[in-house]
Amino acid sequence: MGLSVYILLAAVGLYLVLEGIIPFLSPRYWRRMVSNMARQSDRALHVTGFILMVFGVILLTIAHHFI
C-alpha cells in the first residue's frame, strides 16, 4: 500500500474517532447540538462550512510543510 493511501486511511480514521467522541461521551448534549444546527439558516450553515474548510486547508498546508 502506498504512503498516500496510508495517510488517507489514517486521516479518515482520525476523523471518525474525533466525530464519535461527543456522541459517545455525552449523547444528550450531541442530540441538542444537532437539533440546534437543524434550526440554523442555510446561510449560517454555508458560512460555518466555509470557515471550517478554510481552517482545514490551513492546517493541511501547515502539516504539509512538516512532512
PDB file of N, CA and C in Angstrom:
ATOM      1  N   MET A   1       0.859  -1.175   0.000  1.00  0.00           N
ATOM      2  CA  MET A   1       0.000   0.000   0.000  1.00  0.00           C
ATOM      3  C   MET A   1       0.904   1.236   0.000  1.00  0.00           C
ATOM      4  N   GLY A   2       0.572   2.195  -0.851  1.00  0.00           N
ATOM      5  CA  GLY A   2       1.377   3.411  -0.930  1.00  0.00           C
ATOM      6  C   GLY A   2       1.191   4.311   0.273  1.00  0.00           C
ATOM      7  N   LEU A   3       2.139   5.195   0.433  1.00  0.00           N
ATOM      8  CA  LEU A   3       2.108   6.125   1.565  1.00  0.00           C
ATOM      9  C   LEU A   3       0.871   7.011   1.511  1.00  0.00           C
ATOM     10  N   SER A   4       0.474   7.459   0.324  1.00  0.00           N
ATOM     11  CA  SER A   4      -0.682   8.351   0.233  1.00  0.00           C
ATOM     12  C   SER A   4      -1.972   7.639   0.647  1.00  0.00           C
ATOM     13  N   VAL A   5      -2.103   6.346   0.329  1.00  0.00           N
ATOM     14  CA  VAL A   5      -3.283   5.597   0.762  1.00  0.00           C
ATOM     15  C   VAL A   5      -3.271   5.443   2.278  1.00  0.00           C
ATOM     16  N   TYR A   6      -2.100   5.180   2.836  1.00  0.00           N
ATOM     17  CA  TYR A   6      -1.966   5.068   4.284  1.00  0.00           C
ATOM     18  C   TYR A   6      -2.368   6.373   4.957  1.00  0.00           C
ATOM     19  N   ILE A   7      -1.896   7.488   4.432  1.00  0.00           N
ATOM     20  CA  ILE A   7      -2.224   8.796   5.015  1.00  0.00           C
ATOM     21  C   ILE A   7      -3.718   9.068   4.908  1.00  0.00           C
ATOM     22  N   LEU A   8      -4.320   8.732   3.777  1.00  0.00           N
ATOM     23  CA  LEU A   8      -5.764   8.928   3.605  1.00  0.00           C
ATOM     24  C   LEU A   8      -6.544   8.087   4.611  1.00  0.00           C
ATOM     25  N   LEU A   9      -6.172   6.826   4.748  1.00  0.00           N
ATOM     26  CA  LEU A   9      -6.865   5.966   5.712  1.00  0.00           C
ATOM     27  C   LEU A   9      -6.672   6.463   7.145  1.00  0.00           C
ATOM     28  N   ALA A  10      -5.472   6.923   7.469  1.00  0.00           N
ATOM     29  CA  ALA A  10      -5.216   7.457   8.805  1.00  0.00           C
ATOM     30  C   ALA A  10      -6.051   8.708   9.050  1.00  0.00           C
ATOM     31  N   ALA A  11      -6.157   9.571   8.047  1.00  0.00           N
ATOM     32  CA  ALA A  11      -6.935  10.801   8.192  1.00  0.00           C
ATOM     33  C   ALA A  11      -8.419  10.491   8.380  1.00  0.00           C
ATOM     34  N   VAL A  12      -8.945   9.566   7.597  1.00  0.00           N
ATOM     35  CA  VAL A  12     -10.363   9.200   7.727  1.00  0.00           C
ATOM     36  C   VAL A  12     -10.603   8.540   9.082  1.00  0.00           C
ATOM     37  N   GLY A  13      -9.694   7.683   9.497  1.00  0.00           N
ATOM     38  CA  GLY A  13      -9.828   7.049  10.808  1.00  0.00           C
ATOM     39  C   GLY A  13      -9.818   8.066  11.940  1.00  0.00           C
ATOM     40  N   LEU A  14      -8.900   9.013  11.871  1.00  0.00           N
ATOM     41  CA  LEU A  14      -8.837  10.060  12.891  1.00  0.00           C
ATOM     42  C   LEU A  14     -10.111  10.899  12.886  1.00  0.00           C
ATOM     43  N   TYR A  15     -10.611  11.227  11.704  1.00  0.00           N
ATOM     44  CA  TYR A  15     -11.859  11.990  11.586  1.00  0.00           C
ATOM     45  C   TYR A  15     -13.004  11.243  12.272  1.00  0.00           C
ATOM     46  N   LEU A  16     -13.117   9.943  12.022  1.00  0.00           N
ATOM     47  CA  LEU A  16     -14.204   9.164  12.616  1.00  0.00           C
ATOM     48  C   LEU A  16     -14.078   9.092  14.139  1.00  0.00           C
ATOM     49  N   VAL A  17     -12.864   8.947  14.629  1.00  0.00           N
ATOM     50  CA  VAL A  17     -12.658   8.929  16.082  1.00  0.00           C
ATOM     51  C   VAL A  17     -13.083  10.267  16.686  1.00  0.00           C
ATOM     52  N   LEU A  18     -12.640  11.369  16.074  1.00  0.00           N
ATOM     53  CA  LEU A  18     -12.986  12.694  16.600  1.00  0.00           C
ATOM     54  C   LEU A  18     -14.484  12.959  16.524  1.00  0.00           C
ATOM     55  N   GLU A  19     -15.111  12.533  15.430  1.00  0.00           N
ATOM     56  CA  GLU A  19     -16.559  12.728  15.293  1.00  0.00           C
ATOM     57  C   GLU A  19     -17.341  11.902  16.313  1.00  0.00           C
ATOM     58  N   GLY A  20     -16.791  10.785  16.746  1.00  0.00           N
ATOM     59  CA  GLY A  20     -17.507   9.913  17.667  1.00  0.00           C
ATOM     60  C   GLY A  20     -17.326  10.247  19.134  1.00  0.00           C
ATOM     61  N   ILE A  21     -16.409  11.129  19.456  1.00  0.00           N
ATOM     62  CA  ILE A  21     -16.126  11.419  20.869  1.00  0.00           C
ATOM     63  C   ILE A  21     -17.333  12.017  21.579  1.00  0.00           C
ATOM     64  N   ILE A  22     -17.931  13.071  21.024  1.00  0.00           N
ATOM     65  CA  ILE A  22     -19.029  13.753  21.719  1.00  0.00           C
ATOM     66  C   ILE A  22     -20.264  12.859  21.845  1.00  0.00           C
ATOM     67  N   PRO A  23     -20.719  12.176  20.758  1.00  0.00           N
ATOM     68  CA  PRO A  23     -21.882  11.295  20.957  1.00  0.00           C
ATOM     69  C   PRO A  23     -21.609  10.171  21.961  1.00  0.00           C
ATOM     70  N   PHE A  24     -20.368   9.700  22.028  1.00  0.00           N
ATOM     71  CA  PHE A  24     -20.037   8.637  22.976  1.00  0.00           C
ATOM     72  C   PHE A  24     -20.044   9.154  24.412  1.00  0.00           C
ATOM     73  N   LEU A  25     -19.411  10.312  24.635  1.00  0.00           N
ATOM     74  CA  LEU A  25     -19.286  10.826  25.994  1.00  0.00           C
ATOM     75  C   LEU A  25     -20.568  11.479  26.503  1.00  0.00           C
ATOM     76  N   SER A  26     -21.295  12.159  25.611  1.00  0.00           N
ATOM     77  CA  SER A  26     -22.490  12.886  26.043  1.00  0.00           C
ATOM     78  C   SER A  26     -23.549  12.880  24.951  1.00  0.00           C
ATOM     79  N   PRO A  27     -24.281  11.784  24.814  1.00  0.00           N
ATOM     80  CA  PRO A  27     -25.281  11.705  23.752  1.00  0.00           C
ATOM     81  C   PRO A  27     -26.376  12.771  23.864  1.00  0.00           C
ATOM     82  N   ARG A  28     -26.731  13.152  25.081  1.00  0.00           N
ATOM     83  CA  ARG A  28     -27.772  14.165  25.261  1.00  0.00           C
ATOM     84  C   ARG A  28     -27.311  15.518  24.710  1.00  0.00           C
ATOM     85  N   TYR A  29     -26.066  15.889  25.021  1.00  0.00           N
ATOM     86  CA  TYR A  29     -25.513  17.153  24.508  1.00  0.00           C
ATOM     87  C   TYR A  29     -25.409  17.107  22.989  1.00  0.00           C
ATOM     88  N   TRP A  30     -24.959  15.977  22.436  1.00  0.00           N
ATOM     89  CA  TRP A  30     -24.818  15.829  20.988  1.00  0.00           C
ATOM     90  C   TRP A  30     -26.181  15.990  20.290  1.00  0.00           C
ATOM     91  N   ARG A  31     -27.214  15.370  20.860  1.00  0.00           N
ATOM     92  CA  ARG A  31     -28.560  15.465  20.287  1.00  0.00           C
ATOM     93  C   ARG A  31     -29.044  16.923  20.292  1.00  0.00           C
ATOM     94  N   ARG A  32     -28.770  17.633  21.390  1.00  0.00           N
ATOM     95  CA  ARG A  32     -29.151  19.056  21.480  1.00  0.00           C
ATOM     96  C   ARG A  32     -28.401  19.880  20.443  1.00  0.00           C
ATOM     97  N   MET A  33     -27.111  19.615  20.277  1.00  0.00           N
ATOM     98  CA  MET A  33     -26.282  20.343  19.331  1.00  0.00           C
ATOM     99  C   MET A  33     -26.772  20.119  17.895  1.00  0.00           C
ATOM    100  N   VAL A  34     -27.084  18.878  17.558  1.00  0.00           N
ATOM    101  CA  VAL A  34     -27.585  18.574  16.210  1.00  0.00           C
ATOM    102  C   VAL A  34     -28.942  19.228  15.996  1.00  0.00           C
ATOM    103  N   SER A  35     -29.778  19.231  17.006  1.00  0.00           N
ATOM    104  CA  SER A  35     -31.091  19.887  16.905  1.00  0.00           C
ATOM    105  C   SER A  35     -30.931  21.387  16.671  1.00  0.00           C
ATOM    106  N   ASN A  36     -29.985  22.017  17.366  1.00  0.00           N
ATOM    107  CA  ASN A  36     -29.728  23.445  17.163  1.00  0.00           C
ATOM    108  C   ASN A  36     -29.208  23.718  15.761  1.00  0.00           C
ATOM    109  N   MET A  37     -28.354  22.851  15.254  1.00  0.00           N
ATOM    110  CA  MET A  37     -27.829  23.027  13.900  1.00  0.00           C
ATOM    111  C   MET A  37     -28.948  22.929  12.863  1.00  0.00           C
ATOM    112  N   ALA A  38     -29.911  22.036  13.104  1.00  0.00           N
ATOM    113  CA  ALA A  38     -31.011  21.854  12.158  1.00  0.00           C
ATOM    114  C   ALA A  38     -31.881  23.106  12.062  1.00  0.00           C
ATOM    115  N   ARG A  39     -31.871  23.925  13.098  1.00  0.00           N
ATOM    116  CA  ARG A  39     -32.679  25.148  13.093  1.00  0.00           C
ATOM    117  C   ARG A  39     -31.949  26.338  12.477  1.00  0.00           C
ATOM    118  N   GLN A  40     -30.662  26.197  12.175  1.00  0.00           N
ATOM    119  CA  GLN A  40     -29.890  27.294  11.585  1.00  0.00           C
ATOM    120  C   GLN A  40     -30.315  27.522  10.138  1.00  0.00           C
ATOM    121  N   SER A  41     -30.143  28.746   9.684  1.00  0.00           N
ATOM    122  CA  SER A  41     -30.465  29.062   8.288  1.00  0.00           C
ATOM    123  C   SER A  41     -29.423  28.431   7.371  1.00  0.00           C
ATOM    124  N   ASP A  42     -29.795  28.279   6.105  1.00  0.00           N
ATOM    125  CA  ASP A  42     -28.852  27.752   5.122  1.00  0.00           C
ATOM    126  C   ASP A  42     -27.609  28.621   5.045  1.00  0.00           C
ATOM    127  N   ARG A  43     -27.804  29.931   5.101  1.00  0.00           N
ATOM    128  CA  ARG A  43     -26.651  30.845   5.018  1.00  0.00           C
ATOM    129  C   ARG A  43     -25.688  30.630   6.178  1.00  0.00           C
ATOM    130  N   ALA A  44     -26.214  30.486   7.385  1.00  0.00           N
ATOM    131  CA  ALA A  44     -25.357  30.267   8.547  1.00  0.00           C
ATOM    132  C   ALA A  44     -24.574  28.964   8.401  1.00  0.00           C
ATOM    133  N   LEU A  45     -25.217  27.916   7.884  1.00  0.00           N
ATOM    134  CA  LEU A  45     -24.526  26.643   7.686  1.00  0.00           C
ATOM    135  C   LEU A  45     -23.482  26.753   6.580  1.00  0.00           C
ATOM    136  N   HIS A  46     -23.793  27.510   5.514  1.00  0.00           N
ATOM    137  CA  HIS A  46     -22.814  27.725   4.445  1.00  0.00           C
ATOM    138  C   HIS A  46     -21.568  28.434   4.992  1.00  0.00           C
ATOM    139  N   VAL A  47     -21.785  29.492   5.756  1.00  0.00           N
ATOM    140  CA  VAL A  47     -20.665  30.257   6.312  1.00  0.00           C
ATOM    141  C   VAL A  47     -19.841  29.381   7.253  1.00  0.00           C
ATOM    142  N   THR A  48     -20.510  28.623   8.113  1.00  0.00           N
ATOM    143  CA  THR A  48     -19.812  27.736   9.036  1.00  0.00           C
ATOM    144  C   THR A  48     -18.996  26.690   8.271  1.00  0.00           C
ATOM    145  N   GLY A  49     -19.611  26.089   7.263  1.00  0.00           N
ATOM    146  CA  GLY A  49     -18.905  25.103   6.454  1.00  0.00           C
ATOM    147  C   GLY A  49     -17.703  25.693   5.752  1.00  0.00           C
ATOM    148  N   PHE A  50     -17.850  26.904   5.223  1.00  0.00           N
ATOM    149  CA  PHE A  50     -16.746  27.566   4.530  1.00  0.00           C
ATOM    150  C   PHE A  50     -15.590  27.838   5.485  1.00  0.00           C
ATOM    151  N   ILE A  51     -15.913  28.363   6.660  1.00  0.00           N
ATOM    152  CA  ILE A  51     -14.873  28.662   7.658  1.00  0.00           C
ATOM    153  C   ILE A  51     -14.144  27.380   8.067  1.00  0.00           C
ATOM    154  N   LEU A  52     -14.881  26.297   8.268  1.00  0.00           N
ATOM    155  CA  LEU A  52     -14.251  25.036   8.641  1.00  0.00           C
ATOM    156  C   LEU A  52     -13.351  24.508   7.525  1.00  0.00           C
ATOM    157  N   MET A  53     -13.794  24.645   6.271  1.00  0.00           N
ATOM    158  CA  MET A  53     -12.963  24.199   5.153  1.00  0.00           C
ATOM    159  C   MET A  53     -11.685  25.023   5.055  1.00  0.00           C
ATOM    160  N   VAL A  54     -11.785  26.338   5.217  1.00  0.00           N
ATOM    161  CA  VAL A  54     -10.598  27.196   5.157  1.00  0.00           C
ATOM    162  C   VAL A  54      -9.639  26.825   6.282  1.00  0.00           C
ATOM    163  N   PHE A  55     -10.162  26.632   7.482  1.00  0.00           N
ATOM    164  CA  PHE A  55      -9.328  26.236   8.610  1.00  0.00           C
ATOM    165  C   PHE A  55      -8.647  24.896   8.332  1.00  0.00           C
ATOM    166  N   GLY A  56      -9.386  23.951   7.747  1.00  0.00           N
ATOM    167  CA  GLY A  56      -8.816  22.658   7.398  1.00  0.00           C
ATOM    168  C   GLY A  56      -7.703  22.769   6.376  1.00  0.00           C
ATOM    169  N   VAL A  57      -7.900  23.603   5.352  1.00  0.00           N
ATOM    170  CA  VAL A  57      -6.855  23.801   4.336  1.00  0.00           C
ATOM    171  C   VAL A  57      -5.608  24.427   4.965  1.00  0.00           C
ATOM    172  N   ILE A  58      -5.813  25.377   5.869  1.00  0.00           N
ATOM    173  CA  ILE A  58      -4.671  25.995   6.553  1.00  0.00           C
ATOM    174  C   ILE A  58      -3.904  24.952   7.361  1.00  0.00           C
ATOM    175  N   LEU A  59      -4.623  24.119   8.104  1.00  0.00           N
ATOM    176  CA  LEU A  59      -3.965  23.066   8.884  1.00  0.00           C
ATOM    177  C   LEU A  59      -3.228  22.080   7.983  1.00  0.00           C
ATOM    178  N   LEU A  60      -3.849  21.696   6.869  1.00  0.00           N
ATOM    179  CA  LEU A  60      -3.191  20.777   5.933  1.00  0.00           C
ATOM    180  C   LEU A  60      -1.942  21.403   5.333  1.00  0.00           C
ATOM    181  N   THR A  61      -2.002  22.691   5.030  1.00  0.00           N
ATOM    182  CA  THR A  61      -0.836  23.387   4.480  1.00  0.00           C
ATOM    183  C   THR A  61       0.295  23.420   5.498  1.00  0.00           C
ATOM    184  N   ILE A  62      -0.036  23.715   6.741  1.00  0.00           N
ATOM    185  CA  ILE A  62       0.993  23.730   7.795  1.00  0.00           C
ATOM    186  C   ILE A  62       1.572  22.323   7.971  1.00  0.00           C
ATOM    187  N   ALA A  63       0.700  21.305   8.001  1.00  0.00           N
ATOM    188  CA  ALA A  63       1.178  19.932   8.165  1.00  0.00           C
ATOM    189  C   ALA A  63       2.060  19.507   6.992  1.00  0.00           C
ATOM    190  N   HIS A  64       1.717  19.953   5.794  1.00  0.00           N
ATOM    191  CA  HIS A  64       2.485  19.597   4.603  1.00  0.00           C
ATOM    192  C   HIS A  64       3.924  20.116   4.692  1.00  0.00           C
ATOM    193  N   HIS A  65       4.104  21.248   5.308  1.00  0.00           N
ATOM    194  CA  HIS A  65       5.440  21.823   5.432  1.00  0.00           C
ATOM    195  C   HIS A  65       6.307  21.046   6.422  1.00  0.00           C
ATOM    196  N   PHE A  66       5.697  20.257   7.294  1.00  0.00           N
ATOM    197  CA  PHE A  66       6.452  19.475   8.275  1.00  0.00           C
ATOM    198  C   PHE A  66       6.722  18.050   7.811  1.00  0.00           C
ATOM    199  N   ILE A  67       6.132  17.649   6.697  1.00  0.00           N
ATOM    200  CA  ILE A  67       6.325  16.281   6.191  1.00  0.00           C
ATOM    201  C   ILE A  67       7.546  16.215   5.308  1.00  0.00           C
TER     202      ILE A  67
END
